[in-house]
C-alpha cells in the first residue's frame, strides 16, 4: 500500500536527514490519516492517489503565487515537495496512451454527452492523468470538424 511506503520513507528520510522529504511525507501521511478519520475507513490506494493528486495541485498553485511574490526560496521548496509526492503516484499516461483509452471508450459507447464521456475516461484512468488533459483530448475527438 502507498500509505505503508510513505511510512517507510519517513523513517528513511529521518535517518538520512532529508528535511524537505520529511516535511512533505509527514504532511501527506497526516492528510491520509485525516481523510481516514473523516471517512471512518482505511483509504484504498486509488483514494490515496486522488489525495496525492490534490496535494500536488495545491503545491503547483502555491508555486505560481510564490513566483508572483518573488519568493524563489519558497518556490524551490514547493517544487522539491512536488517531486517527493510524485514518487508515490502511479506513472502518468502519455497522450498517446490516453488517446487510445478515449478512442476505445468512444467506440464502445453510443454516448456523446461530453460530461459522461469525461466521467467514463476518468474512471478508467484513475488519477494517472489530470482532468484538463482528458477534457482537451475528448473535446478534440467529439467536436465536429
Protein backbone atom coordinates (compact mmCIF):
# COMPACT_ATOMS: atom_id res chain seq x y z
CA UNK A 1 0.00 0.00 0.00
CA UNK A 2 1.08 3.54 -0.70
CA UNK A 3 0.49 4.56 2.91
CA UNK A 4 2.94 1.89 4.12
CA UNK A 5 5.52 3.03 1.56
CA UNK A 6 5.19 6.60 2.81
CA UNK A 7 5.68 5.49 6.41
CA UNK A 8 8.84 3.60 5.45
CA UNK A 9 10.08 6.62 3.52
CA UNK A 10 9.59 8.81 6.59
CA UNK A 11 11.93 6.60 8.61
CA UNK A 12 14.44 6.63 5.74
CA UNK A 13 14.27 10.42 5.47
CA UNK A 14 14.81 10.68 9.23
CA UNK A 15 17.93 8.52 9.00
CA UNK A 16 19.29 10.45 6.03
CA UNK A 17 18.26 13.83 7.50
CA UNK A 18 16.37 14.91 4.38
CA UNK A 19 14.30 17.74 5.81
CA UNK A 20 12.30 18.60 2.69
CA UNK A 21 11.38 14.97 2.06
CA UNK A 22 10.48 14.51 5.70
CA UNK A 23 8.27 17.59 5.75
CA UNK A 24 6.38 16.56 2.60
CA UNK A 25 5.99 12.93 3.66
CA UNK A 26 4.77 13.78 7.15
CA UNK A 27 2.23 16.21 5.73
CA UNK A 28 0.95 13.65 3.23
CA UNK A 29 0.68 10.98 5.90
CA UNK A 30 -1.27 13.35 8.14
CA UNK A 31 -3.63 14.18 5.25
CA UNK A 32 -4.19 10.47 4.65
CA UNK A 33 -4.95 9.94 8.34
CA UNK A 34 -7.36 12.91 8.40
CA UNK A 35 -9.16 11.51 5.37
CA UNK A 36 -9.38 8.10 7.04
CA UNK A 37 -10.85 9.68 10.16
CA UNK A 38 -13.31 11.64 8.01
CA UNK A 39 -14.48 8.58 6.09
CA UNK A 40 -14.16 6.24 9.08
CA UNK A 41 -12.38 3.67 6.94
CA UNK A 42 -8.91 2.95 5.65
CA UNK A 43 -8.25 4.59 2.29
CA UNK A 44 -7.62 2.43 -0.74
CA UNK A 45 -4.61 3.11 -2.94
CA UNK A 46 -6.90 4.74 -5.52
CA UNK A 47 -8.22 7.13 -2.89
CA UNK A 48 -4.68 7.89 -1.71
CA UNK A 49 -3.65 8.63 -5.31
CA UNK A 50 -6.52 11.12 -5.62
CA UNK A 51 -5.43 12.75 -2.37
CA UNK A 52 -1.82 12.94 -3.60
CA UNK A 53 -3.03 14.45 -6.87
CA UNK A 54 -4.90 17.17 -4.95
CA UNK A 55 -1.80 17.92 -2.87
CA UNK A 56 0.35 18.25 -5.98
CA UNK A 57 -2.21 20.64 -7.47
CA UNK A 58 -2.22 22.72 -4.26
CA UNK A 59 1.54 22.97 -4.37
CA UNK A 60 1.56 23.91 -8.06
CA UNK A 61 -0.89 26.69 -7.28
CA UNK A 62 1.29 27.84 -4.38
CA UNK A 63 4.30 27.92 -6.70
CA UNK A 64 2.50 30.32 -9.05
CA UNK A 65 1.70 32.65 -6.14
CA UNK A 66 5.25 32.45 -4.80
CA UNK A 67 6.62 33.30 -8.25
CA UNK A 68 4.32 36.35 -8.39
CA UNK A 69 5.53 37.32 -4.92
CA UNK A 70 9.17 36.81 -5.95
CA UNK A 71 9.71 34.22 -3.20
CA UNK A 72 12.14 31.95 -5.03
CA UNK A 73 13.16 30.19 -1.81
CA UNK A 74 9.59 29.00 -1.29
CA UNK A 75 9.19 28.13 -4.98
CA UNK A 76 12.18 25.81 -4.75
CA UNK A 77 10.89 24.14 -1.58
CA UNK A 78 7.41 23.57 -3.03
CA UNK A 79 8.87 22.11 -6.22
CA UNK A 80 11.01 19.71 -4.19
CA UNK A 81 7.93 18.64 -2.26
CA UNK A 82 6.06 18.05 -5.53
CA UNK A 83 8.87 15.76 -6.67
CA UNK A 84 8.72 13.83 -3.38
CA UNK A 85 4.96 13.34 -3.69
CA UNK A 86 5.20 12.30 -7.35
CA UNK A 87 7.31 9.31 -6.29
CA UNK A 88 4.16 7.78 -4.79
CA UNK A 89 1.90 8.45 -7.77
CA UNK A 90 1.35 5.85 -10.47
CA UNK A 91 3.15 6.60 -13.70
CA UNK A 92 1.27 9.18 -15.74
CA UNK A 93 -0.23 8.19 -19.05
CA UNK A 94 1.25 9.62 -22.21
CA UNK A 95 -1.10 11.49 -24.54
CA UNK A 96 -0.90 8.59 -26.98
CA UNK A 97 -1.96 6.06 -24.30
CA UNK A 98 -4.73 8.39 -23.19
CA UNK A 99 -5.97 8.82 -26.76
CA UNK A 100 -6.14 5.02 -27.15
CA UNK A 101 -8.25 4.74 -24.00
CA UNK A 102 -10.54 7.56 -25.17
CA UNK A 103 -10.90 6.04 -28.64
CA UNK A 104 -11.80 2.68 -27.09
CA UNK A 105 -14.45 4.28 -24.87
CA UNK A 106 -15.88 6.33 -27.75
CA UNK A 107 -16.10 3.27 -30.00
CA UNK A 108 -17.69 1.08 -27.32
CA UNK A 109 -20.40 3.54 -26.31
CA UNK A 110 -23.07 5.44 -28.17
CA UNK A 111 -22.78 8.18 -25.55
CA UNK A 112 -21.99 11.60 -26.99
CA UNK A 113 -22.54 13.66 -23.84
CA UNK A 114 -19.23 15.37 -23.10
CA UNK A 115 -19.56 15.16 -19.31
CA UNK A 116 -20.45 11.47 -19.29
CA UNK A 117 -17.57 10.61 -21.61
CA UNK A 118 -15.18 12.50 -19.33
CA UNK A 119 -16.59 10.55 -16.37
CA UNK A 120 -16.05 7.22 -18.13
CA UNK A 121 -12.48 8.14 -19.07
CA UNK A 122 -11.61 9.45 -15.60
CA UNK A 123 -12.96 6.27 -14.02
CA UNK A 124 -10.73 4.26 -16.33
CA UNK A 125 -7.51 6.26 -15.79
CA UNK A 126 -7.97 6.78 -12.01
CA UNK A 127 -5.52 9.56 -11.21
CA UNK A 128 -2.92 8.71 -13.83
CA UNK A 129 -3.61 11.95 -15.68
CA UNK A 130 -5.31 15.25 -14.97
CA UNK A 131 -8.84 16.14 -15.96
CA UNK A 132 -7.81 19.09 -18.10
CA UNK A 133 -5.79 16.87 -20.45
CA UNK A 134 -8.66 14.38 -20.69
CA UNK A 135 -11.10 17.21 -21.37
CA UNK A 136 -8.93 18.69 -24.14
CA UNK A 137 -8.48 15.36 -25.93
CA UNK A 138 -12.15 14.37 -25.63
CA UNK A 139 -13.18 17.80 -26.90
CA UNK A 140 -10.99 17.35 -30.00
CA UNK A 141 -12.34 13.83 -30.59
CA UNK A 142 -16.07 14.57 -30.34
CA UNK A 143 -16.29 18.08 -31.75
CA UNK A 144 -17.43 18.33 -35.36
CA UNK A 145 -14.58 19.06 -37.71
